[in-house]
Amino acid sequence: MEIIHSKYPKVTILGRHHGFYRDEEEQRIVEEIHSLGPDFLIVATGAPKAEHFIYKYKNKLNAKIAIGVGGSLDIISGKVKRAPLIWQKLNLEWLYRLIQQPSRWRRQLILPKFALKALFYKEKNGGNTIKQ
């Protein structure tokens, strides 16, 4: 958290919780998030756990925006080194991380499935990606 505060001094962090909680703790965590009422909720429990959590509790979280960030916090914190610039420019940072951490391959399998669902959703809704 110190690194985030040093890089982004105007950001107010209302709370945090590790992602290794038991199922019976989930309701208490949701209630805590609700009571804090964050503008942004960042969920870094990994895919697809973060996305399932956000979807399941979207109406109870009291957050204006909720997003699953994958390993972004590991990079921001300095725990994991970011991909070299060439990989970033080629939009292959995910592949670099996969090569560096082969244990991630199972989690990466969800990405093509998500991309296809998003594409079909967009086509089905005439190019609109947000329901009004």
N, C-alpha and C. Protein backbone atom coordinates (compact mmCIF):
# COMPACT_ATOMS: atom_id res chain seq x y z
N MET A 1 0.82 -1.19 0.00
CA MET A 1 0.00 0.00 0.00
C MET A 1 0.86 1.25 0.00
N GLU A 2 2.03 1.16 0.60
CA GLU A 2 2.92 2.31 0.66
C GLU A 2 3.34 2.74 -0.74
N ILE A 3 3.57 1.79 -1.63
CA ILE A 3 3.97 2.11 -2.99
C ILE A 3 2.83 2.84 -3.71
N ILE A 4 1.61 2.39 -3.52
CA ILE A 4 0.47 3.06 -4.15
C ILE A 4 0.35 4.48 -3.62
N HIS A 5 0.49 4.66 -2.30
CA HIS A 5 0.41 6.01 -1.74
C HIS A 5 1.52 6.91 -2.26
N SER A 6 2.71 6.36 -2.45
CA SER A 6 3.82 7.20 -2.94
C SER A 6 3.63 7.57 -4.40
N LYS A 7 3.07 6.66 -5.20
CA LYS A 7 2.85 6.94 -6.62
C LYS A 7 1.60 7.78 -6.87
N TYR A 8 0.60 7.60 -6.03
CA TYR A 8 -0.70 8.26 -6.20
C TYR A 8 -1.13 8.88 -4.87
N PRO A 9 -0.50 9.98 -4.48
CA PRO A 9 -0.74 10.55 -3.15
C PRO A 9 -2.17 11.05 -2.91
N LYS A 10 -2.93 11.33 -3.95
CA LYS A 10 -4.29 11.84 -3.77
C LYS A 10 -5.34 10.74 -3.68
N VAL A 11 -4.93 9.50 -3.85
CA VAL A 11 -5.86 8.38 -3.78
C VAL A 11 -6.12 8.04 -2.31
N THR A 12 -7.38 7.87 -1.98
CA THR A 12 -7.76 7.45 -0.64
C THR A 12 -8.14 5.98 -0.70
N ILE A 13 -7.44 5.16 0.06
CA ILE A 13 -7.76 3.74 0.12
C ILE A 13 -8.61 3.52 1.37
N LEU A 14 -9.84 3.08 1.14
CA LEU A 14 -10.80 2.92 2.24
C LEU A 14 -10.63 1.62 3.00
N GLY A 15 -10.10 0.62 2.34
CA GLY A 15 -9.94 -0.67 2.99
C GLY A 15 -9.26 -1.65 2.06
N ARG A 16 -8.98 -2.80 2.60
CA ARG A 16 -8.40 -3.87 1.78
C ARG A 16 -8.61 -5.19 2.50
N HIS A 17 -8.55 -6.25 1.72
CA HIS A 17 -8.71 -7.59 2.26
C HIS A 17 -7.98 -8.55 1.34
N HIS A 18 -7.28 -9.51 1.90
CA HIS A 18 -6.61 -10.51 1.07
C HIS A 18 -7.66 -11.39 0.40
N GLY A 19 -7.28 -12.03 -0.66
CA GLY A 19 -8.22 -12.86 -1.42
C GLY A 19 -8.31 -14.29 -0.97
N PHE A 20 -7.68 -14.62 0.16
CA PHE A 20 -7.67 -16.01 0.63
C PHE A 20 -8.64 -16.19 1.79
N TYR A 21 -9.88 -15.80 1.55
CA TYR A 21 -10.89 -15.90 2.60
C TYR A 21 -11.72 -17.17 2.40
N ARG A 22 -12.36 -17.60 3.48
CA ARG A 22 -13.25 -18.77 3.44
C ARG A 22 -14.64 -18.32 2.97
N ASP A 23 -15.39 -19.24 2.40
CA ASP A 23 -16.73 -18.93 1.89
C ASP A 23 -17.61 -18.28 2.94
N GLU A 24 -17.49 -18.73 4.21
CA GLU A 24 -18.34 -18.18 5.26
C GLU A 24 -17.98 -16.74 5.62
N GLU A 25 -16.85 -16.25 5.15
CA GLU A 25 -16.45 -14.86 5.40
C GLU A 25 -16.98 -13.89 4.32
N GLU A 26 -17.45 -14.44 3.21
CA GLU A 26 -17.79 -13.62 2.06
C GLU A 26 -18.87 -12.57 2.36
N GLN A 27 -19.93 -12.94 3.06
CA GLN A 27 -21.00 -11.98 3.36
C GLN A 27 -20.49 -10.81 4.20
N ARG A 28 -19.63 -11.10 5.17
CA ARG A 28 -19.07 -10.04 6.00
C ARG A 28 -18.21 -9.08 5.16
N ILE A 29 -17.47 -9.62 4.22
CA ILE A 29 -16.64 -8.80 3.33
C ILE A 29 -17.52 -7.91 2.45
N VAL A 30 -18.59 -8.48 1.92
CA VAL A 30 -19.53 -7.71 1.09
C VAL A 30 -20.15 -6.58 1.92
N GLU A 31 -20.55 -6.88 3.15
CA GLU A 31 -21.14 -5.86 4.03
C GLU A 31 -20.13 -4.75 4.33
N GLU A 32 -18.88 -5.12 4.53
CA GLU A 32 -17.83 -4.12 4.80
C GLU A 32 -17.64 -3.21 3.58
N ILE A 33 -17.59 -3.80 2.39
CA ILE A 33 -17.45 -3.00 1.17
C ILE A 33 -18.65 -2.07 1.04
N HIS A 34 -19.84 -2.61 1.26
CA HIS A 34 -21.06 -1.80 1.16
C HIS A 34 -21.01 -0.61 2.11
N SER A 35 -20.59 -0.84 3.33
CA SER A 35 -20.57 0.24 4.32
C SER A 35 -19.53 1.32 3.97
N LEU A 36 -18.46 0.93 3.29
CA LEU A 36 -17.43 1.91 2.91
C LEU A 36 -17.85 2.73 1.69
N GLY A 37 -18.69 2.16 0.81
CA GLY A 37 -19.18 2.87 -0.36
C GLY A 37 -18.08 3.42 -1.26
N PRO A 38 -17.19 2.58 -1.74
CA PRO A 38 -16.07 3.08 -2.54
C PRO A 38 -16.51 3.56 -3.92
N ASP A 39 -15.77 4.52 -4.46
CA ASP A 39 -15.99 4.91 -5.86
C ASP A 39 -15.53 3.78 -6.77
N PHE A 40 -14.33 3.26 -6.49
CA PHE A 40 -13.76 2.16 -7.26
C PHE A 40 -13.51 0.98 -6.33
N LEU A 41 -13.96 -0.18 -6.76
CA LEU A 41 -13.66 -1.41 -6.04
C LEU A 41 -12.74 -2.22 -6.93
N ILE A 42 -11.56 -2.50 -6.44
CA ILE A 42 -10.57 -3.27 -7.19
C ILE A 42 -10.50 -4.66 -6.56
N VAL A 43 -10.82 -5.67 -7.37
CA VAL A 43 -10.82 -7.05 -6.89
C VAL A 43 -9.69 -7.78 -7.60
N ALA A 44 -8.71 -8.23 -6.82
CA ALA A 44 -7.52 -8.86 -7.39
C ALA A 44 -7.36 -10.28 -6.89
N THR A 45 -8.45 -11.04 -6.95
CA THR A 45 -8.40 -12.43 -6.50
C THR A 45 -8.08 -13.39 -7.63
N GLY A 46 -7.88 -12.88 -8.82
CA GLY A 46 -7.59 -13.72 -9.98
C GLY A 46 -8.85 -14.06 -10.74
N ALA A 47 -8.67 -14.36 -12.02
CA ALA A 47 -9.79 -14.72 -12.88
C ALA A 47 -10.05 -16.22 -12.75
N PRO A 48 -11.25 -16.62 -12.78
CA PRO A 48 -12.48 -15.86 -12.88
C PRO A 48 -13.10 -15.52 -11.51
N LYS A 49 -12.37 -15.80 -10.42
CA LYS A 49 -12.93 -15.59 -9.08
C LYS A 49 -13.36 -14.13 -8.88
N ALA A 50 -12.55 -13.19 -9.31
CA ALA A 50 -12.88 -11.77 -9.13
C ALA A 50 -14.16 -11.41 -9.87
N GLU A 51 -14.26 -11.85 -11.12
CA GLU A 51 -15.43 -11.53 -11.93
C GLU A 51 -16.70 -12.17 -11.37
N HIS A 52 -16.58 -13.40 -10.88
CA HIS A 52 -17.75 -14.06 -10.27
C HIS A 52 -18.19 -13.31 -9.00
N PHE A 53 -17.23 -12.88 -8.19
CA PHE A 53 -17.54 -12.13 -6.98
C PHE A 53 -18.27 -10.83 -7.31
N ILE A 54 -17.72 -10.09 -8.26
CA ILE A 54 -18.32 -8.80 -8.65
C ILE A 54 -19.74 -9.02 -9.18
N TYR A 55 -19.91 -10.00 -10.06
CA TYR A 55 -21.23 -10.24 -10.64
C TYR A 55 -22.23 -10.69 -9.57
N LYS A 56 -21.80 -11.59 -8.71
CA LYS A 56 -22.69 -12.12 -7.68
C LYS A 56 -23.20 -11.04 -6.74
N TYR A 57 -22.32 -10.07 -6.41
CA TYR A 57 -22.68 -9.07 -5.41
C TYR A 57 -22.82 -7.65 -5.96
N LYS A 58 -22.93 -7.51 -7.28
CA LYS A 58 -22.94 -6.18 -7.89
C LYS A 58 -24.00 -5.24 -7.30
N ASN A 59 -25.11 -5.76 -6.89
CA ASN A 59 -26.17 -4.92 -6.33
C ASN A 59 -26.02 -4.67 -4.84
N LYS A 60 -25.05 -5.30 -4.20
CA LYS A 60 -24.86 -5.16 -2.76
C LYS A 60 -23.57 -4.43 -2.39
N LEU A 61 -22.67 -4.24 -3.36
CA LEU A 61 -21.34 -3.72 -3.05
C LEU A 61 -21.32 -2.21 -2.77
N ASN A 62 -22.27 -1.47 -3.33
CA ASN A 62 -22.33 -0.02 -3.13
C ASN A 62 -21.08 0.68 -3.69
N ALA A 63 -20.54 0.12 -4.76
CA ALA A 63 -19.39 0.71 -5.43
C ALA A 63 -19.84 1.28 -6.77
N LYS A 64 -19.32 2.45 -7.13
CA LYS A 64 -19.68 3.04 -8.41
C LYS A 64 -19.10 2.24 -9.56
N ILE A 65 -17.89 1.75 -9.39
CA ILE A 65 -17.22 0.93 -10.40
C ILE A 65 -16.53 -0.23 -9.68
N ALA A 66 -16.68 -1.43 -10.21
CA ALA A 66 -15.99 -2.60 -9.67
C ALA A 66 -15.27 -3.28 -10.83
N ILE A 67 -14.01 -3.62 -10.60
CA ILE A 67 -13.22 -4.19 -11.67
C ILE A 67 -12.27 -5.25 -11.12
N GLY A 68 -12.16 -6.34 -11.87
CA GLY A 68 -11.17 -7.37 -11.56
C GLY A 68 -9.88 -7.01 -12.29
N VAL A 69 -8.78 -6.95 -11.58
CA VAL A 69 -7.55 -6.44 -12.17
C VAL A 69 -6.47 -7.49 -12.39
N GLY A 70 -6.78 -8.75 -12.15
CA GLY A 70 -5.77 -9.79 -12.38
C GLY A 70 -4.52 -9.51 -11.58
N GLY A 71 -3.37 -9.56 -12.24
CA GLY A 71 -2.10 -9.38 -11.57
C GLY A 71 -1.59 -7.95 -11.55
N SER A 72 -2.43 -6.99 -11.87
CA SER A 72 -1.99 -5.60 -11.94
C SER A 72 -1.41 -5.09 -10.62
N LEU A 73 -2.01 -5.48 -9.52
CA LEU A 73 -1.50 -5.01 -8.24
C LEU A 73 -0.12 -5.59 -7.93
N ASP A 74 0.15 -6.79 -8.42
CA ASP A 74 1.48 -7.37 -8.25
C ASP A 74 2.53 -6.53 -8.98
N ILE A 75 2.17 -6.02 -10.13
CA ILE A 75 3.08 -5.18 -10.91
C ILE A 75 3.25 -3.82 -10.24
N ILE A 76 2.15 -3.19 -9.85
CA ILE A 76 2.20 -1.88 -9.19
C ILE A 76 3.03 -1.95 -7.91
N SER A 77 2.88 -3.03 -7.17
CA SER A 77 3.59 -3.17 -5.89
C SER A 77 5.06 -3.50 -6.07
N GLY A 78 5.44 -3.89 -7.27
CA GLY A 78 6.83 -4.26 -7.51
C GLY A 78 7.11 -5.73 -7.24
N LYS A 79 6.08 -6.48 -6.88
CA LYS A 79 6.25 -7.91 -6.60
C LYS A 79 6.62 -8.67 -7.87
N VAL A 80 6.04 -8.26 -9.00
CA VAL A 80 6.29 -8.89 -10.29
C VAL A 80 6.78 -7.81 -11.25
N LYS A 81 7.80 -8.15 -12.04
CA LYS A 81 8.35 -7.21 -13.01
C LYS A 81 7.44 -7.14 -14.23
N ARG A 82 7.23 -5.95 -14.75
CA ARG A 82 6.41 -5.76 -15.94
C ARG A 82 7.16 -6.25 -17.17
N ALA A 83 6.41 -6.64 -18.18
CA ALA A 83 7.00 -7.14 -19.43
C ALA A 83 7.82 -6.04 -20.09
N PRO A 84 8.85 -6.44 -20.85
CA PRO A 84 9.62 -5.44 -21.60
C PRO A 84 8.72 -4.65 -22.56
N LEU A 85 9.13 -3.45 -22.90
CA LEU A 85 8.33 -2.53 -23.70
C LEU A 85 7.86 -3.14 -25.02
N ILE A 86 8.68 -3.92 -25.67
CA ILE A 86 8.29 -4.52 -26.96
C ILE A 86 7.08 -5.44 -26.78
N TRP A 87 7.05 -6.21 -25.69
CA TRP A 87 5.90 -7.07 -25.40
C TRP A 87 4.65 -6.23 -25.14
N GLN A 88 4.83 -5.11 -24.44
CA GLN A 88 3.71 -4.22 -24.15
C GLN A 88 3.15 -3.63 -25.44
N LYS A 89 4.04 -3.16 -26.32
CA LYS A 89 3.60 -2.54 -27.58
C LYS A 89 2.89 -3.54 -28.48
N LEU A 90 3.28 -4.79 -28.40
CA LEU A 90 2.64 -5.83 -29.21
C LEU A 90 1.38 -6.39 -28.54
N ASN A 91 0.99 -5.82 -27.40
CA ASN A 91 -0.16 -6.29 -26.63
C ASN A 91 -0.03 -7.76 -26.24
N LEU A 92 1.20 -8.16 -25.92
CA LEU A 92 1.47 -9.54 -25.54
C LEU A 92 2.00 -9.65 -24.12
N GLU A 93 1.69 -8.67 -23.31
CA GLU A 93 2.17 -8.69 -21.92
C GLU A 93 1.63 -9.92 -21.18
N TRP A 94 0.42 -10.31 -21.50
CA TRP A 94 -0.17 -11.50 -20.89
C TRP A 94 0.66 -12.75 -21.23
N LEU A 95 1.16 -12.82 -22.48
CA LEU A 95 1.96 -13.97 -22.89
C LEU A 95 3.31 -13.97 -22.16
N TYR A 96 3.90 -12.82 -22.01
CA TYR A 96 5.16 -12.70 -21.26
C TYR A 96 4.97 -13.21 -19.83
N ARG A 97 3.87 -12.77 -19.19
CA ARG A 97 3.59 -13.22 -17.82
C ARG A 97 3.37 -14.72 -17.77
N LEU A 98 2.71 -15.26 -18.79
CA LEU A 98 2.46 -16.69 -18.84
C LEU A 98 3.77 -17.46 -18.97
N ILE A 99 4.70 -16.97 -19.79
CA ILE A 99 6.01 -17.61 -19.94
C ILE A 99 6.79 -17.53 -18.62
N GLN A 100 6.71 -16.38 -17.95
CA GLN A 100 7.41 -16.20 -16.68
C GLN A 100 6.81 -17.02 -15.55
N GLN A 101 5.49 -17.22 -15.62
CA GLN A 101 4.77 -17.95 -14.57
C GLN A 101 3.87 -19.01 -15.22
N PRO A 102 4.44 -20.13 -15.64
CA PRO A 102 3.64 -21.15 -16.33
C PRO A 102 2.46 -21.68 -15.51
N SER A 103 2.50 -21.52 -14.21
CA SER A 103 1.39 -21.99 -13.37
C SER A 103 0.10 -21.22 -13.65
N ARG A 104 0.19 -20.11 -14.38
CA ARG A 104 -0.98 -19.28 -14.69
C ARG A 104 -1.79 -19.83 -15.87
N TRP A 105 -1.32 -20.84 -16.57
CA TRP A 105 -1.95 -21.25 -17.81
C TRP A 105 -3.43 -21.60 -17.65
N ARG A 106 -3.78 -22.24 -16.55
CA ARG A 106 -5.20 -22.61 -16.37
C ARG A 106 -6.08 -21.37 -16.27
N ARG A 107 -5.59 -20.36 -15.55
CA ARG A 107 -6.36 -19.12 -15.42
C ARG A 107 -6.45 -18.39 -16.76
N GLN A 108 -5.43 -18.51 -17.58
CA GLN A 108 -5.41 -17.82 -18.87
C GLN A 108 -6.41 -18.42 -19.85
N LEU A 109 -6.82 -19.66 -19.64
CA LEU A 109 -7.76 -20.31 -20.56
C LEU A 109 -9.11 -19.60 -20.61
N ILE A 110 -9.42 -18.84 -19.58
CA ILE A 110 -10.69 -18.13 -19.53
C ILE A 110 -10.73 -16.95 -20.51
N LEU A 111 -9.58 -16.41 -20.88
CA LEU A 111 -9.52 -15.20 -21.70
C LEU A 111 -10.16 -15.36 -23.08
N PRO A 112 -9.83 -16.41 -23.85
CA PRO A 112 -10.50 -16.55 -25.15
C PRO A 112 -12.01 -16.73 -25.01
N LYS A 113 -12.43 -17.46 -23.99
CA LYS A 113 -13.86 -17.66 -23.76
C LYS A 113 -14.55 -16.32 -23.49
N PHE A 114 -13.91 -15.48 -22.66
CA PHE A 114 -14.46 -14.16 -22.36
C PHE A 114 -14.54 -13.30 -23.62
N ALA A 115 -13.47 -13.31 -24.42
CA ALA A 115 -13.43 -12.50 -25.64
C ALA A 115 -14.57 -12.89 -26.59
N LEU A 116 -14.79 -14.19 -26.75
CA LEU A 116 -15.88 -14.64 -27.62
C LEU A 116 -17.25 -14.23 -27.08
N LYS A 117 -17.45 -14.38 -25.78
CA LYS A 117 -18.72 -13.97 -25.19
C LYS A 117 -18.96 -12.47 -25.39
N ALA A 118 -17.92 -11.67 -25.19
CA ALA A 118 -18.05 -10.22 -25.36
C ALA A 118 -18.38 -9.88 -26.81
N LEU A 119 -17.73 -10.55 -27.76
CA LEU A 119 -17.97 -10.31 -29.18
C LEU A 119 -19.40 -10.67 -29.55
N PHE A 120 -19.87 -11.86 -29.12
CA PHE A 120 -21.23 -12.27 -29.44
C PHE A 120 -22.26 -11.38 -28.76
N TYR A 121 -21.98 -10.94 -27.56
CA TYR A 121 -22.88 -10.04 -26.85
C TYR A 121 -23.02 -8.74 -27.63
N LYS A 122 -21.89 -8.20 -28.09
CA LYS A 122 -21.90 -6.95 -28.83
C LYS A 122 -22.70 -7.09 -30.12
N GLU A 123 -22.48 -8.19 -30.85
CA GLU A 123 -23.21 -8.42 -32.10
C GLU A 123 -24.70 -8.59 -31.83
N LYS A 124 -25.04 -9.31 -30.80
CA LYS A 124 -26.44 -9.57 -30.45
C LYS A 124 -27.17 -8.27 -30.10
N ASN A 125 -26.47 -7.33 -29.51
CA ASN A 125 -27.07 -6.08 -29.07
C ASN A 125 -26.80 -4.91 -30.03
N GLY A 126 -26.53 -5.23 -31.28
CA GLY A 126 -26.36 -4.19 -32.30
C GLY A 126 -25.19 -3.26 -32.05
N GLY A 127 -24.14 -3.76 -31.48
CA GLY A 127 -22.95 -2.94 -31.24
C GLY A 127 -22.95 -2.24 -29.90
N ASN A 128 -24.09 -2.25 -29.21
CA ASN A 128 -24.14 -1.64 -27.88
C ASN A 128 -23.55 -2.59 -26.86
N THR A 129 -22.62 -2.11 -26.06
CA THR A 129 -22.03 -2.97 -25.05
C THR A 129 -22.60 -2.71 -23.66
N ILE A 130 -23.40 -1.66 -23.52
CA ILE A 130 -23.99 -1.34 -22.23
C ILE A 130 -25.51 -1.30 -22.38
N LYS A 131 -26.20 -2.07 -21.56
CA LYS A 131 -27.66 -2.03 -21.58
C LYS A 131 -28.14 -0.79 -20.86
N GLN A 132 -29.16 -0.18 -21.40
CA GLN A 132 -29.68 1.06 -20.78
C GLN A 132 -31.02 0.81 -20.16
